[in-house]
Amino acid sequence: MQVQLVVCDKIKIEEKRHILGKVINSITIPVFPYIVKFSVLIKISNIPTDQDVLTEFKVVNGLGQQISSPSNYVHRNYRDSKHIPGVDQNFDFTLLVECEENIFLECFINGNKKSYYPINISLC
């Protein structure tokens, strides 16, 4: 299975397609602590057509310490036989940040880390 993550300021769906806002690599905030919000598009390819997969998201800091509660989802193939089996889905995250650092959105499939996405948090 292949997993791709894209983090944006917002994602909406129009006519059964994901419309991505601005892609985020960093977030600048005015003060600590601060609540940040972002959206994530996950693309999972080559899902086994006959089974579900458990997807888990964790947000960790540069030391590997978890800074959010894990989010779990069950995914399965929704594509027809002409396409590579997989699924695309978007999620919204709200996160309390308390210092300047790099954070990482980690994606696990069936307990195995398949992808991660770094985001730099800094003060203006």
PDB file of N, CA and C in Angstrom:
ATOM      1  N   MET A   1       0.835  -1.180   0.000  1.00  0.00           N
ATOM      2  CA  MET A   1       0.000   0.000   0.000  1.00  0.00           C
ATOM      3  C   MET A   1       0.879   1.241   0.000  1.00  0.00           C
ATOM      4  N   GLN A   2       0.438   2.251  -0.713  1.00  0.00           N
ATOM      5  CA  GLN A   2       1.083   3.550  -0.745  1.00  0.00           C
ATOM      6  C   GLN A   2       0.178   4.562  -0.053  1.00  0.00           C
ATOM      7  N   VAL A   3       0.766   5.445   0.764  1.00  0.00           N
ATOM      8  CA  VAL A   3       0.000   6.471   1.463  1.00  0.00           C
ATOM      9  C   VAL A   3       0.653   7.818   1.193  1.00  0.00           C
ATOM     10  N   GLN A   4      -0.157   8.771   0.763  1.00  0.00           N
ATOM     11  CA  GLN A   4       0.307  10.138   0.552  1.00  0.00           C
ATOM     12  C   GLN A   4      -0.533  11.069   1.415  1.00  0.00           C
ATOM     13  N   LEU A   5       0.118  12.059   2.016  1.00  0.00           N
ATOM     14  CA  LEU A   5      -0.554  13.057   2.833  1.00  0.00           C
ATOM     15  C   LEU A   5      -0.263  14.441   2.278  1.00  0.00           C
ATOM     16  N   VAL A   6      -1.287  15.288   2.246  1.00  0.00           N
ATOM     17  CA  VAL A   6      -1.119  16.694   1.902  1.00  0.00           C
ATOM     18  C   VAL A   6      -1.875  17.490   2.957  1.00  0.00           C
ATOM     19  N   VAL A   7      -1.196  18.469   3.579  1.00  0.00           N
ATOM     20  CA  VAL A   7      -1.816  19.296   4.602  1.00  0.00           C
ATOM     21  C   VAL A   7      -2.097  20.672   3.994  1.00  0.00           C
ATOM     22  N   CYS A   8      -3.329  21.147   4.196  1.00  0.00           N
ATOM     23  CA  CYS A   8      -3.771  22.429   3.643  1.00  0.00           C
ATOM     24  C   CYS A   8      -4.476  23.236   4.719  1.00  0.00           C
ATOM     25  N   ASP A   9      -4.668  24.529   4.433  1.00  0.00           N
ATOM     26  CA  ASP A   9      -5.417  25.350   5.382  1.00  0.00           C
ATOM     27  C   ASP A   9      -6.886  24.950   5.400  1.00  0.00           C
ATOM     28  N   LYS A  10      -7.405  24.451   4.274  1.00  0.00           N
ATOM     29  CA  LYS A  10      -8.772  23.938   4.221  1.00  0.00           C
ATOM     30  C   LYS A  10      -8.921  23.037   3.004  1.00  0.00           C
ATOM     31  N   ILE A  11      -9.868  22.127   3.095  1.00  0.00           N
ATOM     32  CA  ILE A  11     -10.213  21.246   1.981  1.00  0.00           C
ATOM     33  C   ILE A  11     -11.729  21.173   1.932  1.00  0.00           C
ATOM     34  N   LYS A  12     -12.267  21.328   0.738  1.00  0.00           N
ATOM     35  CA  LYS A  12     -13.707  21.176   0.585  1.00  0.00           C
ATOM     36  C   LYS A  12     -13.962  20.227  -0.573  1.00  0.00           C
ATOM     37  N   ILE A  13     -15.180  19.744  -0.652  1.00  0.00           N
ATOM     38  CA  ILE A  13     -15.546  18.814  -1.716  1.00  0.00           C
ATOM     39  C   ILE A  13     -16.589  19.481  -2.598  1.00  0.00           C
ATOM     40  N   GLU A  14     -16.318  19.477  -3.895  1.00  0.00           N
ATOM     41  CA  GLU A  14     -17.256  19.975  -4.892  1.00  0.00           C
ATOM     42  C   GLU A  14     -17.329  18.956  -6.016  1.00  0.00           C
ATOM     43  N   GLU A  15     -18.538  18.581  -6.380  1.00  0.00           N
ATOM     44  CA  GLU A  15     -18.764  17.636  -7.480  1.00  0.00           C
ATOM     45  C   GLU A  15     -17.905  16.377  -7.334  1.00  0.00           C
ATOM     46  N   LYS A  16     -17.892  15.817  -6.123  1.00  0.00           N
ATOM     47  CA  LYS A  16     -17.174  14.580  -5.808  1.00  0.00           C
ATOM     48  C   LYS A  16     -15.662  14.687  -5.995  1.00  0.00           C
ATOM     49  N   ARG A  17     -15.116  15.908  -5.865  1.00  0.00           N
ATOM     50  CA  ARG A  17     -13.673  16.119  -5.981  1.00  0.00           C
ATOM     51  C   ARG A  17     -13.198  16.970  -4.802  1.00  0.00           C
ATOM     52  N   HIS A  18     -11.998  16.676  -4.352  1.00  0.00           N
ATOM     53  CA  HIS A  18     -11.400  17.460  -3.271  1.00  0.00           C
ATOM     54  C   HIS A  18     -10.814  18.744  -3.846  1.00  0.00           C
ATOM     55  N   ILE A  19     -11.179  19.869  -3.258  1.00  0.00           N
ATOM     56  CA  ILE A  19     -10.627  21.163  -3.639  1.00  0.00           C
ATOM     57  C   ILE A  19      -9.698  21.589  -2.503  1.00  0.00           C
ATOM     58  N   LEU A  20      -8.407  21.645  -2.796  1.00  0.00           N
ATOM     59  CA  LEU A  20      -7.408  21.952  -1.777  1.00  0.00           C
ATOM     60  C   LEU A  20      -7.191  23.449  -1.674  1.00  0.00           C
ATOM     61  N   GLY A  21      -7.069  23.927  -0.443  1.00  0.00           N
ATOM     62  CA  GLY A  21      -6.700  25.320  -0.194  1.00  0.00           C
ATOM     63  C   GLY A  21      -5.195  25.464  -0.314  1.00  0.00           C
ATOM     64  N   LYS A  22      -4.619  26.331   0.483  1.00  0.00           N
ATOM     65  CA  LYS A  22      -3.173  26.549   0.459  1.00  0.00           C
ATOM     66  C   LYS A  22      -2.463  25.390   1.149  1.00  0.00           C
ATOM     67  N   VAL A  23      -1.451  24.840   0.482  1.00  0.00           N
ATOM     68  CA  VAL A  23      -0.661  23.760   1.065  1.00  0.00           C
ATOM     69  C   VAL A  23       0.202  24.348   2.179  1.00  0.00           C
ATOM     70  N   ILE A  24       0.224  23.668   3.309  1.00  0.00           N
ATOM     71  CA  ILE A  24       0.929  24.148   4.495  1.00  0.00           C
ATOM     72  C   ILE A  24       2.210  23.347   4.713  1.00  0.00           C
ATOM     73  N   ASN A  25       3.313  24.081   4.874  1.00  0.00           N
ATOM     74  CA  ASN A  25       4.566  23.498   5.341  1.00  0.00           C
ATOM     75  C   ASN A  25       4.943  24.083   6.691  1.00  0.00           C
ATOM     76  N   SER A  26       4.383  25.270   6.971  1.00  0.00           N
ATOM     77  CA  SER A  26       4.640  25.924   8.247  1.00  0.00           C
ATOM     78  C   SER A  26       3.411  26.735   8.643  1.00  0.00           C
ATOM     79  N   ILE A  27       3.321  26.968   9.944  1.00  0.00           N
ATOM     80  CA  ILE A  27       2.233  27.769  10.497  1.00  0.00           C
ATOM     81  C   ILE A  27       2.866  28.802  11.419  1.00  0.00           C
ATOM     82  N   THR A  28       2.564  30.069  11.159  1.00  0.00           N
ATOM     83  CA  THR A  28       3.063  31.161  11.994  1.00  0.00           C
ATOM     84  C   THR A  28       1.916  31.652  12.854  1.00  0.00           C
ATOM     85  N   ILE A  29       2.181  31.747  14.152  1.00  0.00           N
ATOM     86  CA  ILE A  29       1.124  32.129  15.097  1.00  0.00           C
ATOM     87  C   ILE A  29       1.569  33.341  15.918  1.00  0.00           C
ATOM     88  N   PRO A  30       0.621  34.065  16.520  1.00  0.00           N
ATOM     89  CA  PRO A  30       0.973  35.297  17.239  1.00  0.00           C
ATOM     90  C   PRO A  30       1.427  35.098  18.681  1.00  0.00           C
ATOM     91  N   VAL A  31       1.026  33.988  19.337  1.00  0.00           N
ATOM     92  CA  VAL A  31       1.280  33.823  20.766  1.00  0.00           C
ATOM     93  C   VAL A  31       1.158  32.334  21.126  1.00  0.00           C
ATOM     94  N   PHE A  32       1.789  31.961  22.227  1.00  0.00           N
ATOM     95  CA  PHE A  32       1.623  30.596  22.768  1.00  0.00           C
ATOM     96  C   PHE A  32       0.869  30.684  24.075  1.00  0.00           C
ATOM     97  N   PRO A  33       0.067  29.740  24.441  1.00  0.00           N
ATOM     98  CA  PRO A  33      -0.433  28.641  23.600  1.00  0.00           C
ATOM     99  C   PRO A  33      -1.409  29.170  22.551  1.00  0.00           C
ATOM    100  N   TYR A  34      -1.628  28.359  21.513  1.00  0.00           N
ATOM    101  CA  TYR A  34      -2.480  28.788  20.403  1.00  0.00           C
ATOM    102  C   TYR A  34      -3.124  27.547  19.773  1.00  0.00           C
ATOM    103  N   ILE A  35      -4.341  27.716  19.330  1.00  0.00           N
ATOM    104  CA  ILE A  35      -5.050  26.627  18.641  1.00  0.00           C
ATOM    105  C   ILE A  35      -4.845  26.792  17.138  1.00  0.00           C
ATOM    106  N   VAL A  36      -4.311  25.768  16.494  1.00  0.00           N
ATOM    107  CA  VAL A  36      -4.160  25.787  15.037  1.00  0.00           C
ATOM    108  C   VAL A  36      -5.137  24.788  14.435  1.00  0.00           C
ATOM    109  N   LYS A  37      -5.596  25.129  13.238  1.00  0.00           N
ATOM    110  CA  LYS A  37      -6.510  24.242  12.507  1.00  0.00           C
ATOM    111  C   LYS A  37      -5.934  24.011  11.124  1.00  0.00           C
ATOM    112  N   PHE A  38      -6.043  22.775  10.667  1.00  0.00           N
ATOM    113  CA  PHE A  38      -5.606  22.454   9.315  1.00  0.00           C
ATOM    114  C   PHE A  38      -6.385  21.235   8.827  1.00  0.00           C
ATOM    115  N   SER A  39      -6.326  21.008   7.536  1.00  0.00           N
ATOM    116  CA  SER A  39      -7.015  19.877   6.915  1.00  0.00           C
ATOM    117  C   SER A  39      -5.983  18.986   6.244  1.00  0.00           C
ATOM    118  N   VAL A  40      -6.274  17.698   6.209  1.00  0.00           N
ATOM    119  CA  VAL A  40      -5.359  16.716   5.640  1.00  0.00           C
ATOM    120  C   VAL A  40      -6.088  15.902   4.580  1.00  0.00           C
ATOM    121  N   LEU A  41      -5.449  15.749   3.429  1.00  0.00           N
ATOM    122  CA  LEU A  41      -5.944  14.823   2.408  1.00  0.00           C
ATOM    123  C   LEU A  41      -5.070  13.585   2.476  1.00  0.00           C
ATOM    124  N   ILE A  42      -5.698  12.442   2.648  1.00  0.00           N
ATOM    125  CA  ILE A  42      -4.971  11.164   2.612  1.00  0.00           C
ATOM    126  C   ILE A  42      -5.382  10.434   1.342  1.00  0.00           C
ATOM    127  N   LYS A  43      -4.391   9.919   0.643  1.00  0.00           N
ATOM    128  CA  LYS A  43      -4.609   9.105  -0.549  1.00  0.00           C
ATOM    129  C   LYS A  43      -3.956   7.754  -0.275  1.00  0.00           C
ATOM    130  N   ILE A  44      -4.766   6.726  -0.225  1.00  0.00           N
ATOM    131  CA  ILE A  44      -4.246   5.374  -0.012  1.00  0.00           C
ATOM    132  C   ILE A  44      -4.463   4.601  -1.312  1.00  0.00           C
ATOM    133  N   SER A  45      -3.382   4.051  -1.854  1.00  0.00           N
ATOM    134  CA  SER A  45      -3.448   3.281  -3.095  1.00  0.00           C
ATOM    135  C   SER A  45      -3.083   1.827  -2.832  1.00  0.00           C
ATOM    136  N   ASN A  46      -3.596   0.963  -3.655  1.00  0.00           N
ATOM    137  CA  ASN A  46      -3.339  -0.483  -3.589  1.00  0.00           C
ATOM    138  C   ASN A  46      -3.871  -1.117  -2.310  1.00  0.00           C
ATOM    139  N   ILE A  47      -5.053  -0.674  -1.888  1.00  0.00           N
ATOM    140  CA  ILE A  47      -5.726  -1.331  -0.762  1.00  0.00           C
ATOM    141  C   ILE A  47      -6.180  -2.717  -1.225  1.00  0.00           C
ATOM    142  N   PRO A  48      -6.006  -3.747  -0.399  1.00  0.00           N
ATOM    143  CA  PRO A  48      -6.566  -5.050  -0.768  1.00  0.00           C
ATOM    144  C   PRO A  48      -8.076  -4.910  -0.999  1.00  0.00           C
ATOM    145  N   THR A  49      -8.564  -5.415  -2.106  1.00  0.00           N
ATOM    146  CA  THR A  49      -9.966  -5.212  -2.479  1.00  0.00           C
ATOM    147  C   THR A  49     -10.939  -5.983  -1.603  1.00  0.00           C
ATOM    148  N   ASP A  50     -10.434  -6.954  -0.850  1.00  0.00           N
ATOM    149  CA  ASP A  50     -11.333  -7.815  -0.080  1.00  0.00           C
ATOM    150  C   ASP A  50     -11.254  -7.583   1.433  1.00  0.00           C
ATOM    151  N   GLN A  51     -10.615  -6.479   1.871  1.00  0.00           N
ATOM    152  CA  GLN A  51     -10.511  -6.259   3.305  1.00  0.00           C
ATOM    153  C   GLN A  51     -10.450  -4.779   3.655  1.00  0.00           C
ATOM    154  N   ASP A  52     -10.784  -4.482   4.908  1.00  0.00           N
ATOM    155  CA  ASP A  52     -10.682  -3.135   5.441  1.00  0.00           C
ATOM    156  C   ASP A  52      -9.279  -2.930   5.987  1.00  0.00           C
ATOM    157  N   VAL A  53      -8.862  -1.662   6.083  1.00  0.00           N
ATOM    158  CA  VAL A  53      -7.589  -1.333   6.723  1.00  0.00           C
ATOM    159  C   VAL A  53      -7.868  -0.312   7.820  1.00  0.00           C
ATOM    160  N   LEU A  54      -7.129  -0.428   8.912  1.00  0.00           N
ATOM    161  CA  LEU A  54      -7.249   0.511  10.018  1.00  0.00           C
ATOM    162  C   LEU A  54      -6.226   1.618   9.817  1.00  0.00           C
ATOM    163  N   THR A  55      -6.706   2.862   9.734  1.00  0.00           N
ATOM    164  CA  THR A  55      -5.854   4.038   9.553  1.00  0.00           C
ATOM    165  C   THR A  55      -5.829   4.809  10.866  1.00  0.00           C
ATOM    166  N   GLU A  56      -4.610   5.163  11.324  1.00  0.00           N
ATOM    167  CA  GLU A  56      -4.468   5.920  12.563  1.00  0.00           C
ATOM    168  C   GLU A  56      -3.564   7.121  12.310  1.00  0.00           C
ATOM    169  N   PHE A  57      -3.998   8.290  12.797  1.00  0.00           N
ATOM    170  CA  PHE A  57      -3.195   9.504  12.727  1.00  0.00           C
ATOM    171  C   PHE A  57      -2.709   9.857  14.125  1.00  0.00           C
ATOM    172  N   LYS A  58      -1.430  10.257  14.209  1.00  0.00           N
ATOM    173  CA  LYS A  58      -0.858  10.787  15.442  1.00  0.00           C
ATOM    174  C   LYS A  58      -0.102  12.057  15.086  1.00  0.00           C
ATOM    175  N   VAL A  59      -0.119  13.031  15.989  1.00  0.00           N
ATOM    176  CA  VAL A  59       0.724  14.217  15.837  1.00  0.00           C
ATOM    177  C   VAL A  59       1.777  14.136  16.929  1.00  0.00           C
ATOM    178  N   VAL A  60       3.057  14.194  16.514  1.00  0.00           N
ATOM    179  CA  VAL A  60       4.162  14.095  17.459  1.00  0.00           C
ATOM    180  C   VAL A  60       5.093  15.290  17.273  1.00  0.00           C
ATOM    181  N   ASN A  61       5.865  15.591  18.315  1.00  0.00           N
ATOM    182  CA  ASN A  61       6.863  16.659  18.203  1.00  0.00           C
ATOM    183  C   ASN A  61       8.186  16.062  17.723  1.00  0.00           C
ATOM    184  N   GLY A  62       9.217  16.908  17.637  1.00  0.00           N
ATOM    185  CA  GLY A  62      10.515  16.460  17.148  1.00  0.00           C
ATOM    186  C   GLY A  62      11.184  15.403  17.999  1.00  0.00           C
ATOM    187  N   LEU A  63      10.762  15.292  19.274  1.00  0.00           N
ATOM    188  CA  LEU A  63      11.303  14.262  20.163  1.00  0.00           C
ATOM    189  C   LEU A  63      10.516  12.952  20.078  1.00  0.00           C
ATOM    190  N   GLY A  64       9.489  12.930  19.213  1.00  0.00           N
ATOM    191  CA  GLY A  64       8.661  11.736  19.079  1.00  0.00           C
ATOM    192  C   GLY A  64       7.563  11.637  20.115  1.00  0.00           C
ATOM    193  N   GLN A  65       7.383  12.699  20.917  1.00  0.00           N
ATOM    194  CA  GLN A  65       6.336  12.690  21.946  1.00  0.00           C
ATOM    195  C   GLN A  65       4.994  13.039  21.306  1.00  0.00           C
ATOM    196  N   GLN A  66       4.003  12.250  21.625  1.00  0.00           N
ATOM    197  CA  GLN A  66       2.673  12.464  21.075  1.00  0.00           C
ATOM    198  C   GLN A  66       2.060  13.728  21.665  1.00  0.00           C
ATOM    199  N   ILE A  67       1.555  14.631  20.802  1.00  0.00           N
ATOM    200  CA  ILE A  67       0.968  15.874  21.283  1.00  0.00           C
ATOM    201  C   ILE A  67      -0.516  15.983  20.928  1.00  0.00           C
ATOM    202  N   SER A  68      -1.098  14.886  20.468  1.00  0.00           N
ATOM    203  CA  SER A  68      -2.544  14.859  20.211  1.00  0.00           C
ATOM    204  C   SER A  68      -3.062  13.453  20.481  1.00  0.00           C
ATOM    205  N   SER A  69      -4.341  13.350  20.658  1.00  0.00           N
ATOM    206  CA  SER A  69      -4.957  12.029  20.797  1.00  0.00           C
ATOM    207  C   SER A  69      -5.004  11.367  19.430  1.00  0.00           C
ATOM    208  N   PRO A  70      -4.708  10.077  19.366  1.00  0.00           N
ATOM    209  CA  PRO A  70      -4.768   9.394  18.070  1.00  0.00           C
ATOM    210  C   PRO A  70      -6.195   9.402  17.504  1.00  0.00           C
ATOM    211  N   SER A  71      -6.274   9.451  16.189  1.00  0.00           N
ATOM    212  CA  SER A  71      -7.553   9.378  15.485  1.00  0.00           C
ATOM    213  C   SER A  71      -7.546   8.115  14.642  1.00  0.00           C
ATOM    214  N   ASN A  72      -8.572   7.283  14.796  1.00  0.00           N
ATOM    215  CA  ASN A  72      -8.652   6.013  14.072  1.00  0.00           C
ATOM    216  C   ASN A  72      -9.813   6.012  13.085  1.00  0.00           C
ATOM    217  N   TYR A  73      -9.569   5.415  11.921  1.00  0.00           N
ATOM    218  CA  TYR A  73     -10.584   5.308  10.873  1.00  0.00           C
ATOM    219  C   TYR A  73     -10.428   3.960  10.186  1.00  0.00           C
ATOM    220  N   VAL A  74     -11.521   3.465   9.657  1.00  0.00           N
ATOM    221  CA  VAL A  74     -11.489   2.235   8.867  1.00  0.00           C
ATOM    222  C   VAL A  74     -11.701   2.626   7.409  1.00  0.00           C
ATOM    223  N   HIS A  75     -10.799   2.153   6.551  1.00  0.00           N
ATOM    224  CA  HIS A  75     -10.900   2.443   5.121  1.00  0.00           C
ATOM    225  C   HIS A  75     -11.014   1.150   4.324  1.00  0.00           C
ATOM    226  N   ARG A  76     -11.637   1.274   3.178  1.00  0.00           N
ATOM    227  CA  ARG A  76     -11.733   0.155   2.243  1.00  0.00           C
ATOM    228  C   ARG A  76     -11.713   0.721   0.834  1.00  0.00           C
ATOM    229  N   ASN A  77     -11.545  -0.119  -0.131  1.00  0.00           N
ATOM    230  CA  ASN A  77     -11.536   0.315  -1.526  1.00  0.00           C
ATOM    231  C   ASN A  77     -12.936   0.749  -1.955  1.00  0.00           C
ATOM    232  N   TYR A  78     -13.024   1.946  -2.537  1.00  0.00           N
ATOM    233  CA  TYR A  78     -14.294   2.437  -3.063  1.00  0.00           C
ATOM    234  C   TYR A  78     -14.239   2.639  -4.573  1.00  0.00           C
ATOM    235  N   ARG A  79     -13.153   2.291  -5.196  1.00  0.00           N
ATOM    236  CA  ARG A  79     -12.984   2.527  -6.626  1.00  0.00           C
ATOM    237  C   ARG A  79     -13.465   1.330  -7.433  1.00  0.00           C
ATOM    238  N   ASP A  80     -13.912   1.610  -8.653  1.00  0.00           N
ATOM    239  CA  ASP A  80     -14.372   0.515  -9.508  1.00  0.00           C
ATOM    240  C   ASP A  80     -13.181  -0.251 -10.074  1.00  0.00           C
ATOM    241  N   SER A  81     -13.444  -1.340 -10.766  1.00  0.00           N
ATOM    242  CA  SER A  81     -12.393  -2.266 -11.201  1.00  0.00           C
ATOM    243  C   SER A  81     -11.459  -1.663 -12.248  1.00  0.00           C
ATOM    244  N   LYS A  82     -11.822  -0.555 -12.866  1.00  0.00           N
ATOM    245  CA  LYS A  82     -10.950   0.093 -13.861  1.00  0.00           C
ATOM    246  C   LYS A  82      -9.830   0.891 -13.203  1.00  0.00           C
ATOM    247  N   HIS A  83      -9.972   1.194 -11.918  1.00  0.00           N
ATOM    248  CA  HIS A  83      -8.999   2.019 -11.206  1.00  0.00           C
ATOM    249  C   HIS A  83      -8.153   1.190 -10.242  1.00  0.00           C
ATOM    250  N   ILE A  84      -7.011   1.748  -9.876  1.00  0.00           N
ATOM    251  CA  ILE A  84      -6.182   1.116  -8.846  1.00  0.00           C
ATOM    252  C   ILE A  84      -6.952   1.196  -7.534  1.00  0.00           C
ATOM    253  N   PRO A  85      -7.082   0.081  -6.805  1.00  0.00           N
ATOM    254  CA  PRO A  85      -7.863   0.086  -5.559  1.00  0.00           C
ATOM    255  C   PRO A  85      -7.307   1.098  -4.558  1.00  0.00           C
ATOM    256  N   GLY A  86      -8.194   1.872  -3.944  1.00  0.00           N
ATOM    257  CA  GLY A  86      -7.759   2.844  -2.963  1.00  0.00           C
ATOM    258  C   GLY A  86      -8.886   3.732  -2.505  1.00  0.00           C
ATOM    259  N   VAL A  87      -8.503   4.775  -1.792  1.00  0.00           N
ATOM    260  CA  VAL A  87      -9.479   5.721  -1.259  1.00  0.00           C
ATOM    261  C   VAL A  87      -8.788   7.066  -1.045  1.00  0.00           C
ATOM    262  N   ASP A  88      -9.542   8.144  -1.223  1.00  0.00           N
ATOM    263  CA  ASP A  88      -9.102   9.499  -0.889  1.00  0.00           C
ATOM    264  C   ASP A  88     -10.089  10.026   0.149  1.00  0.00           C
ATOM    265  N   GLN A  89      -9.576  10.631   1.215  1.00  0.00           N
ATOM    266  CA  GLN A  89     -10.461  11.192   2.228  1.00  0.00           C
ATOM    267  C   GLN A  89      -9.771  12.375   2.889  1.00  0.00           C
ATOM    268  N   ASN A  90     -10.580  13.360   3.304  1.00  0.00           N
ATOM    269  CA  ASN A  90     -10.010  14.498   4.004  1.00  0.00           C
ATOM    270  C   ASN A  90     -10.479  14.522   5.450  1.00  0.00           C
ATOM    271  N   PHE A  91      -9.637  15.113   6.307  1.00  0.00           N
ATOM    272  CA  PHE A  91      -9.891  15.208   7.738  1.00  0.00           C
ATOM    273  C   PHE A  91      -9.520  16.607   8.201  1.00  0.00           C
ATOM    274  N   ASP A  92     -10.230  17.110   9.199  1.00  0.00           N
ATOM    275  CA  ASP A  92      -9.908  18.391   9.813  1.00  0.00           C
ATOM    276  C   ASP A  92      -9.284  18.133  11.179  1.00  0.00           C
ATOM    277  N   PHE A  93      -8.218  18.879  11.484  1.00  0.00           N
ATOM    278  CA  PHE A  93      -7.523  18.749  12.761  1.00  0.00           C
ATOM    279  C   PHE A  93      -7.538  20.082  13.490  1.00  0.00           C
ATOM    280  N   THR A  94      -7.689  20.029  14.803  1.00  0.00           N
ATOM    281  CA  THR A  94      -7.547  21.172  15.689  1.00  0.00           C
ATOM    282  C   THR A  94      -6.520  20.776  16.734  1.00  0.00           C
ATOM    283  N   LEU A  95      -5.495  21.611  16.914  1.00  0.00           N
ATOM    284  CA  LEU A  95      -4.361  21.220  17.735  1.00  0.00           C
ATOM    285  C   LEU A  95      -3.892  22.401  18.589  1.00  0.00           C
ATOM    286  N   LEU A  96      -3.647  22.144  19.850  1.00  0.00           N
ATOM    287  CA  LEU A  96      -3.059  23.142  20.747  1.00  0.00           C
ATOM    288  C   LEU A  96      -1.541  23.067  20.611  1.00  0.00           C
ATOM    289  N   VAL A  97      -0.913  24.198  20.250  1.00  0.00           N
ATOM    290  CA  VAL A  97       0.547  24.247  20.184  1.00  0.00           C
ATOM    291  C   VAL A  97       1.047  25.202  21.264  1.00  0.00           C
ATOM    292  N   GLU A  98       2.194  24.848  21.857  1.00  0.00           N
ATOM    293  CA  GLU A  98       2.689  25.605  23.006  1.00  0.00           C
ATOM    294  C   GLU A  98       4.116  26.108  22.862  1.00  0.00           C
ATOM    295  N   CYS A  99       4.779  25.768  21.741  1.00  0.00           N
ATOM    296  CA  CYS A  99       6.149  26.251  21.550  1.00  0.00           C
ATOM    297  C   CYS A  99       6.537  26.163  20.075  1.00  0.00           C
ATOM    298  N   GLU A 100       7.638  26.858  19.746  1.00  0.00           N
ATOM    299  CA  GLU A 100       8.164  26.766  18.385  1.00  0.00           C
ATOM    300  C   GLU A 100       8.842  25.412  18.223  1.00  0.00           C
ATOM    301  N   GLU A 101       8.450  24.711  17.182  1.00  0.00           N
ATOM    302  CA  GLU A 101       9.028  23.387  16.934  1.00  0.00           C
ATOM    303  C   GLU A 101       8.527  22.849  15.607  1.00  0.00           C
ATOM    304  N   ASN A 102       9.120  21.748  15.195  1.00  0.00           N
ATOM    305  CA  ASN A 102       8.596  20.991  14.066  1.00  0.00           C
ATOM    306  C   ASN A 102       7.698  19.903  14.629  1.00  0.00           C
ATOM    307  N   ILE A 103       6.509  19.801  14.057  1.00  0.00           N
ATOM    308  CA  ILE A 103       5.612  18.710  14.433  1.00  0.00           C
ATOM    309  C   ILE A 103       5.436  17.812  13.220  1.00  0.00           C
ATOM    310  N   PHE A 104       4.968  16.597  13.470  1.00  0.00           N
ATOM    311  CA  PHE A 104       4.840  15.617  12.403  1.00  0.00           C
ATOM    312  C   PHE A 104       3.483  14.937  12.505  1.00  0.00           C
ATOM    313  N   LEU A 105       2.743  14.955  11.416  1.00  0.00           N
ATOM    314  CA  LEU A 105       1.507  14.194  11.318  1.00  0.00           C
ATOM    315  C   LEU A 105       1.906  12.823  10.783  1.00  0.00           C
ATOM    316  N   GLU A 106       1.731  11.794  11.612  1.00  0.00           N
ATOM    317  CA  GLU A 106       2.124  10.438  11.227  1.00  0.00           C
ATOM    318  C   GLU A 106       0.884   9.626  10.880  1.00  0.00           C
ATOM    319  N   CYS A 107       0.990   8.824   9.830  1.00  0.00           N
ATOM    320  CA  CYS A 107      -0.115   7.974   9.406  1.00  0.00           C
ATOM    321  C   CYS A 107       0.309   6.506   9.487  1.00  0.00           C
ATOM    322  N   PHE A 108      -0.473   5.734  10.223  1.00  0.00           N
ATOM    323  CA  PHE A 108      -0.234   4.304  10.383  1.00  0.00           C
ATOM    324  C   PHE A 108      -1.364   3.539   9.689  1.00  0.00           C
ATOM    325  N   ILE A 109      -1.012   2.478   8.992  1.00  0.00           N
ATOM    326  CA  ILE A 109      -1.993   1.583   8.389  1.00  0.00           C
ATOM    327  C   ILE A 109      -1.793   0.213   9.019  1.00  0.00           C
ATOM    328  N   ASN A 110      -2.849  -0.294   9.643  1.00  0.00           N
ATOM    329  CA  ASN A 110      -2.783  -1.592  10.333  1.00  0.00           C
ATOM    330  C   ASN A 110      -1.583  -1.664  11.281  1.00  0.00           C
ATOM    331  N   GLY A 111      -1.302  -0.546  11.981  1.00  0.00           N
ATOM    332  CA  GLY A 111      -0.239  -0.522  12.977  1.00  0.00           C
ATOM    333  C   GLY A 111       1.148  -0.199  12.455  1.00  0.00           C
ATOM    334  N   ASN A 112       1.322  -0.068  11.141  1.00  0.00           N
ATOM    335  CA  ASN A 112       2.628   0.222  10.555  1.00  0.00           C
ATOM    336  C   ASN A 112       2.670   1.651  10.032  1.00  0.00           C
ATOM    337  N   LYS A 113       3.723   2.406  10.422  1.00  0.00           N
ATOM    338  CA  LYS A 113       3.833   3.783   9.937  1.00  0.00           C
ATOM    339  C   LYS A 113       4.109   3.765   8.445  1.00  0.00           C
ATOM    340  N   LYS A 114       3.216   4.423   7.683  1.00  0.00           N
ATOM    341  CA  LYS A 114       3.314   4.419   6.223  1.00  0.00           C
ATOM    342  C   LYS A 114       3.715   5.770   5.658  1.00  0.00           C
ATOM    343  N   SER A 115       3.467   6.845   6.420  1.00  0.00           N
ATOM    344  CA  SER A 115       3.778   8.172   5.899  1.00  0.00           C
ATOM    345  C   SER A 115       3.813   9.166   7.055  1.00  0.00           C
ATOM    346  N   TYR A 116       4.466  10.302   6.816  1.00  0.00           N
ATOM    347  CA  TYR A 116       4.423  11.388   7.781  1.00  0.00           C
ATOM    348  C   TYR A 116       4.520  12.707   7.023  1.00  0.00           C
ATOM    349  N   TYR A 117       4.106  13.788   7.672  1.00  0.00           N
ATOM    350  CA  TYR A 117       4.118  15.105   7.054  1.00  0.00           C
ATOM    351  C   TYR A 117       4.604  16.106   8.103  1.00  0.00           C
ATOM    352  N   PRO A 118       5.720  16.795   7.830  1.00  0.00           N
ATOM    353  CA  PRO A 118       6.248  17.761   8.803  1.00  0.00           C
ATOM    354  C   PRO A 118       5.595  19.140   8.649  1.00  0.00           C
ATOM    355  N   ILE A 119       5.388  19.818   9.783  1.00  0.00           N
ATOM    356  CA  ILE A 119       4.878  21.180   9.795  1.00  0.00           C
ATOM    357  C   ILE A 119       5.700  21.967  10.814  1.00  0.00           C
ATOM    358  N   ASN A 120       6.245  23.103  10.396  1.00  0.00           N
ATOM    359  CA  ASN A 120       7.006  23.952  11.308  1.00  0.00           C
ATOM    360  C   ASN A 120       6.055  24.932  11.979  1.00  0.00           C
ATOM    361  N   ILE A 121       6.147  25.038  13.300  1.00  0.00           N
ATOM    362  CA  ILE A 121       5.357  25.994  14.080  1.00  0.00           C
ATOM    363  C   ILE A 121       6.307  27.089  14.565  1.00  0.00           C
ATOM    364  N   SER A 122       5.975  28.353  14.269  1.00  0.00           N
ATOM    365  CA  SER A 122       6.837  29.449  14.726  1.00  0.00           C
ATOM    366  C   SER A 122       5.993  30.687  15.048  1.00  0.00           C
ATOM    367  N   LEU A 123       6.584  31.584  15.843  1.00  0.00           N
ATOM    368  CA  LEU A 123       5.942  32.855  16.182  1.00  0.00           C
ATOM    369  C   LEU A 123       6.166  33.863  15.065  1.00  0.00           C
ATOM    370  N   CYS A 124       5.206  34.794  14.921  1.00  0.00           N
ATOM    371  CA  CYS A 124       5.375  35.867  13.923  1.00  0.00           C
ATOM    372  C   CYS A 124       6.483  36.795  14.351  1.00  0.00           C
TER     373      CYS A 124
END
